[in-house]
Amino acid sequence: MNYKGKRVLVTGADGFIGSHLTEALVRGGADVTALALYNSFDSHGWLDDLPDEIRNHLKLVRGDVRDSAFLNRIVRGQSVVFHLAALIAIPYSYAAAQSYVETNIMGTVNVLEAARQWDTERVVHTSTSEVYGTALTMPISESHPLQGQSPYSASKIGADMMAESYARSFDVPVVMLRPFNAFGPRQSERAIVPTLIRQAIDANCPAIMVGDTSPVRDLTFVEDTAAAFLSAGSADLEFGHAYNAGSQRAVTISDVLDLVVELSGSNKPVRRDESRLRPQNSEVRALLADSSRLERATGWRAHTDLREGLKRTIAWWRTRLNRGLVRHEMG
């Protein structure tokens, strides 16, 4: 897995997983172009939090994957493209489904078309475990049926199918990586782990508000997920195929809550908040990865256990809170 000197583009580099992947690529000696979503605040998202020795070795660009002409320019000359840019908030997808189609499907088509034109060596397209919906069998292998249980998951299924079609129709060397519930530092509070941690340790939060805590998830520490991307970008994989990347350990949200309370030392009450519930027929009840295909092909395996990952994430949140780097009220 040698990226030294390789020209690499990361879309969505300003996001949670994207920033960790970008950091890992720079540490591995890659020549990285990091694409952040354009905004009027002169912000590069989580890339702004990277240490100077990483940021100083990045080419930072801002733009939008929906802009095909822009993507065509920045993909030119790249050896590997990691495509992570996407709208990912599941609740928002119920209110703005068309936005998810435009960014997640059309944005992916723009990446694939640019890679096709410029003969890119490898494209790693980011899928999601949400495409499987509620598990019909567990653990979930890549042969599990795809189920669009939310507009978000439906848009990602569409993007996956476009990636497969470009491999089959145009020989674009694209693989799909399907991360299972990554967690860790820099994750948005929309996700379950950071919202539990923030409420547990922030003095401004009088209680820990939760929705349904019975769903089962496969939580993977983000540094392990970034390592899976590195493997997918360099190993001898089958183009047009998907590869799961999960810890292969099942845990309920209730179990995660108990661990967060224990590790944080919180004694706050836990209360149910009906507004945090997904629509009944849209909630994904259980996700547990079978990552054996990726492991056989690359040797990748998640190494960070849940307790250790939560400890590191809680420590990161304490530092953020102590420095006043978070909102005073949770949104």
C-alpha atoms as a PDB file:
ATOM      1  CA  MET A   1       0.000   0.000   0.000  1.00  0.00           C
ATOM      2  CA  ASN A   2       2.454   2.611  -1.228  1.00  0.00           C
ATOM      3  CA  TYR A   3       1.053   6.054  -2.032  1.00  0.00           C
ATOM      4  CA  LYS A   4       4.380   7.875  -1.911  1.00  0.00           C
ATOM      5  CA  GLY A   5       4.497  10.399  -4.748  1.00  0.00           C
ATOM      6  CA  LYS A   6       1.093   9.397  -6.151  1.00  0.00           C
ATOM      7  CA  ARG A   7      -1.275  12.155  -7.209  1.00  0.00           C
ATOM      8  CA  VAL A   8      -4.490  11.615  -5.283  1.00  0.00           C
ATOM      9  CA  LEU A   9      -7.782  13.536  -5.199  1.00  0.00           C
ATOM     10  CA  VAL A  10     -10.114  13.269  -2.214  1.00  0.00           C
ATOM     11  CA  THR A  11     -13.621  14.669  -2.673  1.00  0.00           C
ATOM     12  CA  GLY A  12     -15.396  15.400   0.582  1.00  0.00           C
ATOM     13  CA  ALA A  13     -11.984  15.860   2.190  1.00  0.00           C
ATOM     14  CA  ASP A  14     -13.457  18.451   4.555  1.00  0.00           C
ATOM     15  CA  GLY A  15     -15.778  15.890   6.139  1.00  0.00           C
ATOM     16  CA  PHE A  16     -15.447  13.364   8.920  1.00  0.00           C
ATOM     17  CA  ILE A  17     -13.987  10.316   7.167  1.00  0.00           C
ATOM     18  CA  GLY A  18     -12.525  12.421   4.366  1.00  0.00           C
ATOM     19  CA  SER A  19     -10.340  14.466   6.715  1.00  0.00           C
ATOM     20  CA  HIS A  20      -8.939  11.321   8.358  1.00  0.00           C
ATOM     21  CA  LEU A  21      -8.268   9.741   4.966  1.00  0.00           C
ATOM     22  CA  THR A  22      -6.590  12.928   3.732  1.00  0.00           C
ATOM     23  CA  GLU A  23      -4.361  13.014   6.806  1.00  0.00           C
ATOM     24  CA  ALA A  24      -3.389   9.360   6.340  1.00  0.00           C
ATOM     25  CA  LEU A  25      -2.565   9.916   2.660  1.00  0.00           C
ATOM     26  CA  VAL A  26      -0.306  12.885   3.411  1.00  0.00           C
ATOM     27  CA  ARG A  27       1.472  10.906   6.126  1.00  0.00           C
ATOM     28  CA  GLY A  28       1.976   8.185   3.526  1.00  0.00           C
ATOM     29  CA  GLY A  29       3.717  10.602   1.161  1.00  0.00           C
ATOM     30  CA  ALA A  30       0.922  11.112  -1.377  1.00  0.00           C
ATOM     31  CA  ASP A  31       0.553  14.311  -3.403  1.00  0.00           C
ATOM     32  CA  VAL A  32      -2.980  15.125  -2.234  1.00  0.00           C
ATOM     33  CA  THR A  33      -5.557  17.477  -3.701  1.00  0.00           C
ATOM     34  CA  ALA A  34      -8.277  17.936  -1.084  1.00  0.00           C
ATOM     35  CA  LEU A  35     -11.678  19.096  -2.332  1.00  0.00           C
ATOM     36  CA  ALA A  36     -13.874  20.942   0.167  1.00  0.00           C
ATOM     37  CA  LEU A  37     -17.379  22.216  -0.503  1.00  0.00           C
ATOM     38  CA  TYR A  38     -17.327  25.893  -1.442  1.00  0.00           C
ATOM     39  CA  ASN A  39     -18.705  28.280   1.180  1.00  0.00           C
ATOM     40  CA  SER A  40     -18.554  31.996   1.914  1.00  0.00           C
ATOM     41  CA  PHE A  41     -16.793  31.584   5.276  1.00  0.00           C
ATOM     42  CA  ASP A  42     -13.329  30.741   3.892  1.00  0.00           C
ATOM     43  CA  SER A  43     -13.608  27.386   5.667  1.00  0.00           C
ATOM     44  CA  HIS A  44     -12.203  24.020   4.658  1.00  0.00           C
ATOM     45  CA  GLY A  45     -14.224  22.123   7.249  1.00  0.00           C
ATOM     46  CA  TRP A  46     -12.262  19.644   9.336  1.00  0.00           C
ATOM     47  CA  LEU A  47      -9.183  20.209   7.183  1.00  0.00           C
ATOM     48  CA  ASP A  48      -8.743  23.456   9.103  1.00  0.00           C
ATOM     49  CA  ASP A  49      -8.177  21.367  12.248  1.00  0.00           C
ATOM     50  CA  LEU A  50      -5.338  19.315  10.796  1.00  0.00           C
ATOM     51  CA  PRO A  51      -1.840  20.016  12.118  1.00  0.00           C
ATOM     52  CA  ASP A  52       0.298  22.392  10.078  1.00  0.00           C
ATOM     53  CA  GLU A  53       2.648  19.617   8.969  1.00  0.00           C
ATOM     54  CA  ILE A  54      -0.331  18.038   7.195  1.00  0.00           C
ATOM     55  CA  ARG A  55      -2.086  21.168   5.906  1.00  0.00           C
ATOM     56  CA  ASN A  56       1.131  22.575   4.487  1.00  0.00           C
ATOM     57  CA  HIS A  57       1.448  19.517   2.246  1.00  0.00           C
ATOM     58  CA  LEU A  58      -2.079  19.698   0.844  1.00  0.00           C
ATOM     59  CA  LYS A  59      -3.428  21.342  -2.245  1.00  0.00           C
ATOM     60  CA  LEU A  60      -6.741  22.712  -0.957  1.00  0.00           C
ATOM     61  CA  VAL A  61      -9.478  23.454  -3.479  1.00  0.00           C
ATOM     62  CA  ARG A  62     -13.099  24.431  -2.975  1.00  0.00           C
ATOM     63  CA  GLY A  63     -15.931  23.543  -5.284  1.00  0.00           C
ATOM     64  CA  ASP A  64     -18.967  21.333  -5.775  1.00  0.00           C
ATOM     65  CA  VAL A  65     -19.184  17.826  -7.222  1.00  0.00           C
ATOM     66  CA  ARG A  66     -22.385  18.859  -8.990  1.00  0.00           C
ATOM     67  CA  ASP A  67     -20.231  21.074 -11.254  1.00  0.00           C
ATOM     68  CA  SER A  68     -19.064  18.728 -14.016  1.00  0.00           C
ATOM     69  CA  ALA A  69     -16.710  21.224 -15.678  1.00  0.00           C
ATOM     70  CA  PHE A  70     -14.973  21.950 -12.381  1.00  0.00           C
ATOM     71  CA  LEU A  71     -14.571  18.237 -11.612  1.00  0.00           C
ATOM     72  CA  ASN A  72     -13.203  17.586 -15.057  1.00  0.00           C
ATOM     73  CA  ARG A  73     -10.427  20.100 -14.383  1.00  0.00           C
ATOM     74  CA  ILE A  74      -9.374  18.778 -10.992  1.00  0.00           C
ATOM     75  CA  VAL A  75      -9.548  15.063 -11.869  1.00  0.00           C
ATOM     76  CA  ARG A  76      -7.137  15.549 -14.767  1.00  0.00           C
ATOM     77  CA  GLY A  77      -3.717  14.144 -13.901  1.00  0.00           C
ATOM     78  CA  GLN A  78      -4.826  12.327 -10.750  1.00  0.00           C
ATOM     79  CA  SER A  79      -3.788   8.698 -10.313  1.00  0.00           C
ATOM     80  CA  VAL A  80      -6.397   7.825  -7.681  1.00  0.00           C
ATOM     81  CA  VAL A  81      -9.702   9.493  -6.835  1.00  0.00           C
ATOM     82  CA  PHE A  82     -11.378   8.833  -3.494  1.00  0.00           C
ATOM     83  CA  HIS A  83     -14.966  10.019  -3.853  1.00  0.00           C
ATOM     84  CA  LEU A  84     -16.461  10.773  -0.437  1.00  0.00           C
ATOM     85  CA  ALA A  85     -18.409  13.978  -1.122  1.00  0.00           C
ATOM     86  CA  ALA A  86     -22.094  13.401  -0.372  1.00  0.00           C
ATOM     87  CA  LEU A  87     -25.102  14.557   1.561  1.00  0.00           C
ATOM     88  CA  ILE A  88     -25.315  12.085   4.438  1.00  0.00           C
ATOM     89  CA  ALA A  89     -27.812  13.336   7.042  1.00  0.00           C
ATOM     90  CA  ILE A  90     -30.626  10.798   6.953  1.00  0.00           C
ATOM     91  CA  PRO A  91     -33.260  13.002   8.674  1.00  0.00           C
ATOM     92  CA  TYR A  92     -32.672  15.837   6.181  1.00  0.00           C
ATOM     93  CA  SER A  93     -33.175  13.436   3.284  1.00  0.00           C
ATOM     94  CA  TYR A  94     -36.845  13.113   4.226  1.00  0.00           C
ATOM     95  CA  ALA A  95     -37.254  16.867   3.739  1.00  0.00           C
ATOM     96  CA  ALA A  96     -35.025  17.410   0.700  1.00  0.00           C
ATOM     97  CA  ALA A  97     -34.873  14.203  -1.325  1.00  0.00           C
ATOM     98  CA  GLN A  98     -34.066  15.973  -4.606  1.00  0.00           C
ATOM     99  CA  SER A  99     -30.909  17.475  -3.122  1.00  0.00           C
ATOM    100  CA  TYR A 100     -29.682  13.955  -2.358  1.00  0.00           C
ATOM    101  CA  VAL A 101     -30.298  12.853  -5.931  1.00  0.00           C
ATOM    102  CA  GLU A 102     -28.423  15.868  -7.304  1.00  0.00           C
ATOM    103  CA  THR A 103     -25.390  15.565  -5.028  1.00  0.00           C
ATOM    104  CA  ASN A 104     -25.128  11.840  -4.374  1.00  0.00           C
ATOM    105  CA  ILE A 105     -26.113  10.473  -7.776  1.00  0.00           C
ATOM    106  CA  MET A 106     -25.265  13.242 -10.233  1.00  0.00           C
ATOM    107  CA  GLY A 107     -22.141  14.200  -8.287  1.00  0.00           C
ATOM    108  CA  THR A 108     -20.958  10.608  -8.562  1.00  0.00           C
ATOM    109  CA  VAL A 109     -21.704  10.538 -12.294  1.00  0.00           C
ATOM    110  CA  ASN A 110     -19.582  13.673 -12.704  1.00  0.00           C
ATOM    111  CA  VAL A 111     -16.662  12.030 -10.895  1.00  0.00           C
ATOM    112  CA  LEU A 112     -16.988   8.854 -12.964  1.00  0.00           C
ATOM    113  CA  GLU A 113     -17.251  10.746 -16.242  1.00  0.00           C
ATOM    114  CA  ALA A 114     -14.130  12.786 -15.460  1.00  0.00           C
ATOM    115  CA  ALA A 115     -12.239   9.632 -14.475  1.00  0.00           C
ATOM    116  CA  ARG A 116     -13.355   8.022 -17.726  1.00  0.00           C
ATOM    117  CA  GLN A 117     -12.127  10.966 -19.797  1.00  0.00           C
ATOM    118  CA  TRP A 118      -8.727  11.199 -18.103  1.00  0.00           C
ATOM    119  CA  ASP A 119      -8.022   7.457 -17.706  1.00  0.00           C
ATOM    120  CA  THR A 120      -7.719   7.628 -13.928  1.00  0.00           C
ATOM    121  CA  GLU A 121      -5.952   4.548 -12.524  1.00  0.00           C
ATOM    122  CA  ARG A 122      -8.455   3.947  -9.711  1.00  0.00           C
ATOM    123  CA  VAL A 123     -11.663   5.436  -8.332  1.00  0.00           C
ATOM    124  CA  VAL A 124     -12.873   4.461  -4.868  1.00  0.00           C
ATOM    125  CA  HIS A 125     -16.541   5.359  -4.576  1.00  0.00           C
ATOM    126  CA  THR A 126     -17.976   5.617  -1.072  1.00  0.00           C
ATOM    127  CA  SER A 127     -21.110   3.605  -0.533  1.00  0.00           C
ATOM    128  CA  THR A 128     -22.753   3.016   2.865  1.00  0.00           C
ATOM    129  CA  SER A 129     -24.102   0.137   4.916  1.00  0.00           C
ATOM    130  CA  GLU A 130     -27.459   1.932   4.820  1.00  0.00           C
ATOM    131  CA  VAL A 131     -27.991   0.567   1.293  1.00  0.00           C
ATOM    132  CA  TYR A 132     -28.746  -2.829   2.829  1.00  0.00           C
ATOM    133  CA  GLY A 133     -31.650  -1.532   4.898  1.00  0.00           C
ATOM    134  CA  THR A 134     -32.765  -3.678   7.819  1.00  0.00           C
ATOM    135  CA  ALA A 135     -30.787  -6.896   7.617  1.00  0.00           C
ATOM    136  CA  LEU A 136     -32.622  -9.911   6.221  1.00  0.00           C
ATOM    137  CA  THR A 137     -29.664 -12.077   7.243  1.00  0.00           C
ATOM    138  CA  MET A 138     -26.633 -11.317   9.402  1.00  0.00           C
ATOM    139  CA  PRO A 139     -23.784 -10.786   9.102  1.00  0.00           C
ATOM    140  CA  ILE A 140     -24.398  -8.812   5.920  1.00  0.00           C
ATOM    141  CA  SER A 141     -22.320  -9.750   2.898  1.00  0.00           C
ATOM    142  CA  GLU A 142     -22.157  -7.830  -0.354  1.00  0.00           C
ATOM    143  CA  SER A 143     -24.728 -10.210  -1.872  1.00  0.00           C
ATOM    144  CA  HIS A 144     -27.425  -8.996   0.547  1.00  0.00           C
ATOM    145  CA  PRO A 145     -30.339  -7.298  -1.282  1.00  0.00           C
ATOM    146  CA  LEU A 146     -30.262  -3.499  -1.464  1.00  0.00           C
ATOM    147  CA  GLN A 147     -33.213  -1.732   0.172  1.00  0.00           C
ATOM    148  CA  GLY A 148     -33.948   1.977  -0.146  1.00  0.00           C
ATOM    149  CA  GLN A 149     -35.421   2.566   3.295  1.00  0.00           C
ATOM    150  CA  SER A 150     -34.728   6.317   3.221  1.00  0.00           C
ATOM    151  CA  PRO A 151     -34.198   8.875   0.455  1.00  0.00           C
ATOM    152  CA  TYR A 152     -30.550   8.968   1.562  1.00  0.00           C
ATOM    153  CA  SER A 153     -30.020   5.222   1.164  1.00  0.00           C
ATOM    154  CA  ALA A 154     -31.929   5.243  -2.133  1.00  0.00           C
ATOM    155  CA  SER A 155     -29.623   7.961  -3.477  1.00  0.00           C
ATOM    156  CA  LYS A 156     -26.557   5.950  -2.460  1.00  0.00           C
ATOM    157  CA  ILE A 157     -27.963   2.828  -4.129  1.00  0.00           C
ATOM    158  CA  GLY A 158     -28.391   4.884  -7.296  1.00  0.00           C
ATOM    159  CA  ALA A 159     -24.807   6.135  -7.050  1.00  0.00           C
ATOM    160  CA  ASP A 160     -23.526   2.585  -6.513  1.00  0.00           C
ATOM    161  CA  MET A 161     -25.386   1.382  -9.590  1.00  0.00           C
ATOM    162  CA  MET A 162     -23.888   4.191 -11.675  1.00  0.00           C
ATOM    163  CA  ALA A 163     -20.418   3.204 -10.455  1.00  0.00           C
ATOM    164  CA  GLU A 164     -21.071  -0.420 -11.390  1.00  0.00           C
ATOM    165  CA  SER A 165     -22.394   0.640 -14.792  1.00  0.00           C
ATOM    166  CA  TYR A 166     -19.296   2.740 -15.549  1.00  0.00           C
ATOM    167  CA  ALA A 167     -17.089  -0.243 -14.734  1.00  0.00           C
ATOM    168  CA  ARG A 168     -19.149  -2.560 -16.938  1.00  0.00           C
ATOM    169  CA  SER A 169     -19.891  -0.150 -19.790  1.00  0.00           C
ATOM    170  CA  PHE A 170     -16.743   1.964 -19.997  1.00  0.00           C
ATOM    171  CA  ASP A 171     -14.084  -0.044 -18.106  1.00  0.00           C
ATOM    172  CA  VAL A 172     -13.692   2.698 -15.507  1.00  0.00           C
ATOM    173  CA  PRO A 173     -11.543   1.167 -12.727  1.00  0.00           C
ATOM    174  CA  VAL A 174     -13.952   1.908  -9.881  1.00  0.00           C
ATOM    175  CA  VAL A 175     -14.604  -0.034  -6.686  1.00  0.00           C
ATOM    176  CA  MET A 176     -17.282   0.672  -4.086  1.00  0.00           C
ATOM    177  CA  LEU A 177     -16.333   0.696  -0.409  1.00  0.00           C
ATOM    178  CA  ARG A 178     -19.221   0.263   2.051  1.00  0.00           C
ATOM    179  CA  PRO A 179     -18.238   1.539   5.506  1.00  0.00           C
ATOM    180  CA  PHE A 180     -20.355   0.410   8.443  1.00  0.00           C
ATOM    181  CA  ASN A 181     -21.103   3.162  10.972  1.00  0.00           C
ATOM    182  CA  ALA A 182     -17.740   4.857  11.370  1.00  0.00           C
ATOM    183  CA  PHE A 183     -17.275   6.873  14.567  1.00  0.00           C
ATOM    184  CA  GLY A 184     -14.536   8.945  16.163  1.00  0.00           C
ATOM    185  CA  PRO A 185     -13.156  12.491  16.406  1.00  0.00           C
ATOM    186  CA  ARG A 186     -14.568  15.127  13.996  1.00  0.00           C
ATOM    187  CA  GLN A 187     -17.903  13.388  13.491  1.00  0.00           C
ATOM    188  CA  SER A 188     -21.033  15.528  13.238  1.00  0.00           C
ATOM    189  CA  GLU A 189     -23.373  15.579  16.212  1.00  0.00           C
ATOM    190  CA  ARG A 190     -26.087  14.274  13.897  1.00  0.00           C
ATOM    191  CA  ALA A 191     -24.580  10.810  14.421  1.00  0.00           C
ATOM    192  CA  ILE A 192     -25.441   8.704  17.440  1.00  0.00           C
ATOM    193  CA  VAL A 193     -22.008   8.369  19.096  1.00  0.00           C
ATOM    194  CA  PRO A 194     -21.089  12.081  19.205  1.00  0.00           C
ATOM    195  CA  THR A 195     -24.574  13.139  20.277  1.00  0.00           C
ATOM    196  CA  LEU A 196     -24.429  10.728  23.225  1.00  0.00           C
ATOM    197  CA  ILE A 197     -20.910  11.821  24.181  1.00  0.00           C
ATOM    198  CA  ARG A 198     -21.660  15.532  23.894  1.00  0.00           C
ATOM    199  CA  GLN A 199     -24.739  15.249  26.099  1.00  0.00           C
ATOM    200  CA  ALA A 200     -22.917  13.062  28.631  1.00  0.00           C
ATOM    201  CA  ILE A 201     -19.987  15.425  29.219  1.00  0.00           C
ATOM    202  CA  ASP A 202     -21.306  18.917  28.408  1.00  0.00           C
ATOM    203  CA  ALA A 203     -22.438  20.786  31.521  1.00  0.00           C
ATOM    204  CA  ASN A 204     -24.916  22.711  29.369  1.00  0.00           C
ATOM    205  CA  CYS A 205     -26.846  19.495  28.681  1.00  0.00           C
ATOM    206  CA  PRO A 206     -28.955  18.596  31.748  1.00  0.00           C
ATOM    207  CA  ALA A 207     -29.929  15.152  30.453  1.00  0.00           C
ATOM    208  CA  ILE A 208     -29.037  12.615  27.775  1.00  0.00           C
ATOM    209  CA  MET A 209     -31.871  12.658  25.256  1.00  0.00           C
ATOM    210  CA  VAL A 210     -32.239   9.550  23.095  1.00  0.00           C
ATOM    211  CA  GLY A 211     -34.536   8.105  20.470  1.00  0.00           C
ATOM    212  CA  ASP A 212     -34.862   4.383  19.850  1.00  0.00           C
ATOM    213  CA  THR A 213     -31.922   2.610  21.510  1.00  0.00           C
ATOM    214  CA  SER A 214     -32.782  -0.909  20.352  1.00  0.00           C
ATOM    215  CA  PRO A 215     -31.258  -0.889  16.817  1.00  0.00           C
ATOM    216  CA  VAL A 216     -28.075  -2.905  16.313  1.00  0.00           C
ATOM    217  CA  ARG A 217     -25.044  -1.343  14.650  1.00  0.00           C
ATOM    218  CA  ASP A 218     -21.527  -2.297  13.567  1.00  0.00           C
ATOM    219  CA  LEU A 219     -19.410   0.593  14.869  1.00  0.00           C
ATOM    220  CA  THR A 220     -15.972   1.012  13.305  1.00  0.00           C
ATOM    221  CA  PHE A 221     -13.370   3.495  14.548  1.00  0.00           C
ATOM    222  CA  VAL A 222     -12.673   6.085  11.878  1.00  0.00           C
ATOM    223  CA  GLU A 223      -8.932   5.432  11.642  1.00  0.00           C
ATOM    224  CA  ASP A 224      -9.711   1.817  10.769  1.00  0.00           C
ATOM    225  CA  THR A 225     -12.198   3.042   8.164  1.00  0.00           C
ATOM    226  CA  ALA A 226      -9.556   5.343   6.649  1.00  0.00           C
ATOM    227  CA  ALA A 227      -7.192   2.369   6.459  1.00  0.00           C
ATOM    228  CA  ALA A 228      -9.887   0.453   4.555  1.00  0.00           C
ATOM    229  CA  PHE A 229      -9.991   3.258   1.983  1.00  0.00           C
ATOM    230  CA  LEU A 230      -6.217   3.125   1.594  1.00  0.00           C
ATOM    231  CA  SER A 231      -6.452  -0.613   0.960  1.00  0.00           C
ATOM    232  CA  ALA A 232      -9.292  -0.188  -1.541  1.00  0.00           C
ATOM    233  CA  GLY A 233      -7.283   2.409  -3.443  1.00  0.00           C
ATOM    234  CA  SER A 234      -4.227   0.241  -3.949  1.00  0.00           C
ATOM    235  CA  ALA A 235      -5.057  -3.480  -3.780  1.00  0.00           C
ATOM    236  CA  ASP A 236      -5.941  -5.796  -6.654  1.00  0.00           C
ATOM    237  CA  LEU A 237      -9.747  -5.609  -6.420  1.00  0.00           C
ATOM    238  CA  GLU A 238     -12.573  -6.416  -8.829  1.00  0.00           C
ATOM    239  CA  PHE A 239     -13.764  -3.262 -10.555  1.00  0.00           C
ATOM    240  CA  GLY A 240     -17.481  -2.593 -10.400  1.00  0.00           C
ATOM    241  CA  HIS A 241     -17.814  -4.549  -7.154  1.00  0.00           C
ATOM    242  CA  ALA A 242     -18.598  -3.496  -3.593  1.00  0.00           C
ATOM    243  CA  TYR A 243     -16.534  -4.265  -0.498  1.00  0.00           C
ATOM    244  CA  ASN A 244     -17.855  -4.011   3.061  1.00  0.00           C
ATOM    245  CA  ALA A 245     -15.690  -2.377   5.727  1.00  0.00           C
ATOM    246  CA  GLY A 246     -16.933  -2.956   9.263  1.00  0.00           C
ATOM    247  CA  SER A 247     -15.717  -4.127  12.645  1.00  0.00           C
ATOM    248  CA  GLN A 248     -17.832  -7.318  12.399  1.00  0.00           C
ATOM    249  CA  ARG A 249     -18.979  -6.706  15.984  1.00  0.00           C
ATOM    250  CA  ALA A 250     -22.667  -6.071  16.749  1.00  0.00           C
ATOM    251  CA  VAL A 251     -23.736  -3.628  19.453  1.00  0.00           C
ATOM    252  CA  THR A 252     -27.077  -2.050  20.337  1.00  0.00           C
ATOM    253  CA  ILE A 253     -27.414   1.701  20.725  1.00  0.00           C
ATOM    254  CA  SER A 254     -28.390   0.962  24.328  1.00  0.00           C
ATOM    255  CA  ASP A 255     -25.039  -0.795  24.852  1.00  0.00           C
ATOM    256  CA  VAL A 256     -23.214   2.186  23.350  1.00  0.00           C
ATOM    257  CA  LEU A 257     -25.102   4.517  25.679  1.00  0.00           C
ATOM    258  CA  ASP A 258     -24.115   2.426  28.700  1.00  0.00           C
ATOM    259  CA  LEU A 259     -20.455   2.480  27.658  1.00  0.00           C
ATOM    260  CA  VAL A 260     -20.475   6.236  27.068  1.00  0.00           C
ATOM    261  CA  VAL A 261     -22.020   6.811  30.499  1.00  0.00           C
ATOM    262  CA  GLU A 262     -19.436   4.525  32.125  1.00  0.00           C
ATOM    263  CA  LEU A 263     -16.378   5.920  30.341  1.00  0.00           C
ATOM    264  CA  SER A 264     -17.420   9.554  30.739  1.00  0.00           C
ATOM    265  CA  GLY A 265     -18.415   9.207  34.394  1.00  0.00           C
ATOM    266  CA  SER A 266     -21.775  10.829  33.659  1.00  0.00           C
ATOM    267  CA  ASN A 267     -24.593  10.625  36.185  1.00  0.00           C
ATOM    268  CA  LYS A 268     -27.164  12.484  34.091  1.00  0.00           C
ATOM    269  CA  PRO A 269     -30.679  11.123  33.582  1.00  0.00           C
ATOM    270  CA  VAL A 270     -31.482   9.471  30.253  1.00  0.00           C
ATOM    271  CA  ARG A 271     -34.742  10.590  28.652  1.00  0.00           C
ATOM    272  CA  ARG A 272     -36.583   9.548  25.511  1.00  0.00           C
ATOM    273  CA  ASP A 273     -37.109  12.230  22.865  1.00  0.00           C
ATOM    274  CA  GLU A 274     -39.777  11.319  20.316  1.00  0.00           C
ATOM    275  CA  SER A 275     -38.405  13.866  17.832  1.00  0.00           C
ATOM    276  CA  ARG A 276     -35.264  11.737  17.470  1.00  0.00           C
ATOM    277  CA  LEU A 277     -37.161   8.750  16.075  1.00  0.00           C
ATOM    278  CA  ARG A 278     -37.027   7.869  12.380  1.00  0.00           C
ATOM    279  CA  PRO A 279     -40.276   7.116  10.537  1.00  0.00           C
ATOM    280  CA  GLN A 280     -41.325   3.603  11.600  1.00  0.00           C
ATOM    281  CA  ASN A 281     -40.883   1.905   8.223  1.00  0.00           C
ATOM    282  CA  SER A 282     -37.608   3.723   7.574  1.00  0.00           C
ATOM    283  CA  GLU A 283     -35.597   2.767  10.665  1.00  0.00           C
ATOM    284  CA  VAL A 284     -32.836   0.285   9.916  1.00  0.00           C
ATOM    285  CA  ARG A 285     -33.135  -2.225  12.745  1.00  0.00           C
ATOM    286  CA  ALA A 286     -29.837  -4.080  12.443  1.00  0.00           C
ATOM    287  CA  LEU A 287     -26.499  -3.783  10.642  1.00  0.00           C
ATOM    288  CA  LEU A 288     -23.550  -6.147  11.080  1.00  0.00           C
ATOM    289  CA  ALA A 289     -20.808  -6.413   8.486  1.00  0.00           C
ATOM    290  CA  ASP A 290     -19.282  -9.416   6.851  1.00  0.00           C
ATOM    291  CA  SER A 291     -16.014  -7.809   5.705  1.00  0.00           C
ATOM    292  CA  SER A 292     -14.351 -11.052   4.654  1.00  0.00           C
ATOM    293  CA  ARG A 293     -14.260 -10.097   0.953  1.00  0.00           C
ATOM    294  CA  LEU A 294     -12.148  -7.003   1.687  1.00  0.00           C
ATOM    295  CA  GLU A 295     -10.022  -8.891   4.199  1.00  0.00           C
ATOM    296  CA  ARG A 296      -9.255 -11.696   1.738  1.00  0.00           C
ATOM    297  CA  ALA A 297      -8.363  -9.229  -1.014  1.00  0.00           C
ATOM    298  CA  THR A 298      -6.333  -6.727   1.007  1.00  0.00           C
ATOM    299  CA  GLY A 299      -5.641  -8.080   4.488  1.00  0.00           C
ATOM    300  CA  TRP A 300      -7.567  -5.151   5.993  1.00  0.00           C
ATOM    301  CA  ARG A 301      -9.258  -5.680   9.331  1.00  0.00           C
ATOM    302  CA  ALA A 302     -10.590  -3.266  11.963  1.00  0.00           C
ATOM    303  CA  HIS A 303      -8.237  -3.292  14.953  1.00  0.00           C
ATOM    304  CA  THR A 304      -9.668  -0.701  17.374  1.00  0.00           C
ATOM    305  CA  ASP A 305     -12.201  -2.134  19.808  1.00  0.00           C
ATOM    306  CA  LEU A 306     -15.313  -0.173  20.768  1.00  0.00           C
ATOM    307  CA  ARG A 307     -14.167   0.723  24.279  1.00  0.00           C
ATOM    308  CA  GLU A 308     -10.827   2.107  23.088  1.00  0.00           C
ATOM    309  CA  GLY A 309     -12.469   4.023  20.251  1.00  0.00           C
ATOM    310  CA  LEU A 310     -15.003   5.577  22.608  1.00  0.00           C
ATOM    311  CA  LYS A 311     -12.256   6.550  25.075  1.00  0.00           C
ATOM    312  CA  ARG A 312     -10.371   8.378  22.347  1.00  0.00           C
ATOM    313  CA  THR A 313     -13.518  10.052  21.056  1.00  0.00           C
ATOM    314  CA  ILE A 314     -14.579  11.187  24.542  1.00  0.00           C
ATOM    315  CA  ALA A 315     -11.096  12.637  25.119  1.00  0.00           C
ATOM    316  CA  TRP A 316     -11.349  14.564  21.846  1.00  0.00           C
ATOM    317  CA  TRP A 317     -14.754  15.945  22.819  1.00  0.00           C
ATOM    318  CA  ARG A 318     -13.481  17.029  26.255  1.00  0.00           C
ATOM    319  CA  THR A 319     -10.689  18.960  24.575  1.00  0.00           C
ATOM    320  CA  ARG A 320     -13.136  20.649  22.190  1.00  0.00           C
ATOM    321  CA  LEU A 321     -15.475  21.621  25.013  1.00  0.00           C
ATOM    322  CA  ASN A 322     -12.654  22.922  27.215  1.00  0.00           C
ATOM    323  CA  ARG A 323     -11.447  25.123  24.365  1.00  0.00           C
ATOM    324  CA  GLY A 324     -14.922  26.440  23.633  1.00  0.00           C
ATOM    325  CA  LEU A 325     -14.865  25.002  20.123  1.00  0.00           C
ATOM    326  CA  VAL A 326     -18.451  23.704  20.096  1.00  0.00           C
ATOM    327  CA  ARG A 327     -21.887  25.280  20.040  1.00  0.00           C
ATOM    328  CA  HIS A 328     -23.385  26.078  23.446  1.00  0.00           C
ATOM    329  CA  GLU A 329     -26.620  24.340  22.539  1.00  0.00           C
ATOM    330  CA  MET A 330     -27.033  21.178  20.553  1.00  0.00           C
ATOM    331  CA  GLY A 331     -28.974  21.443  17.298  1.00  0.00           C
END
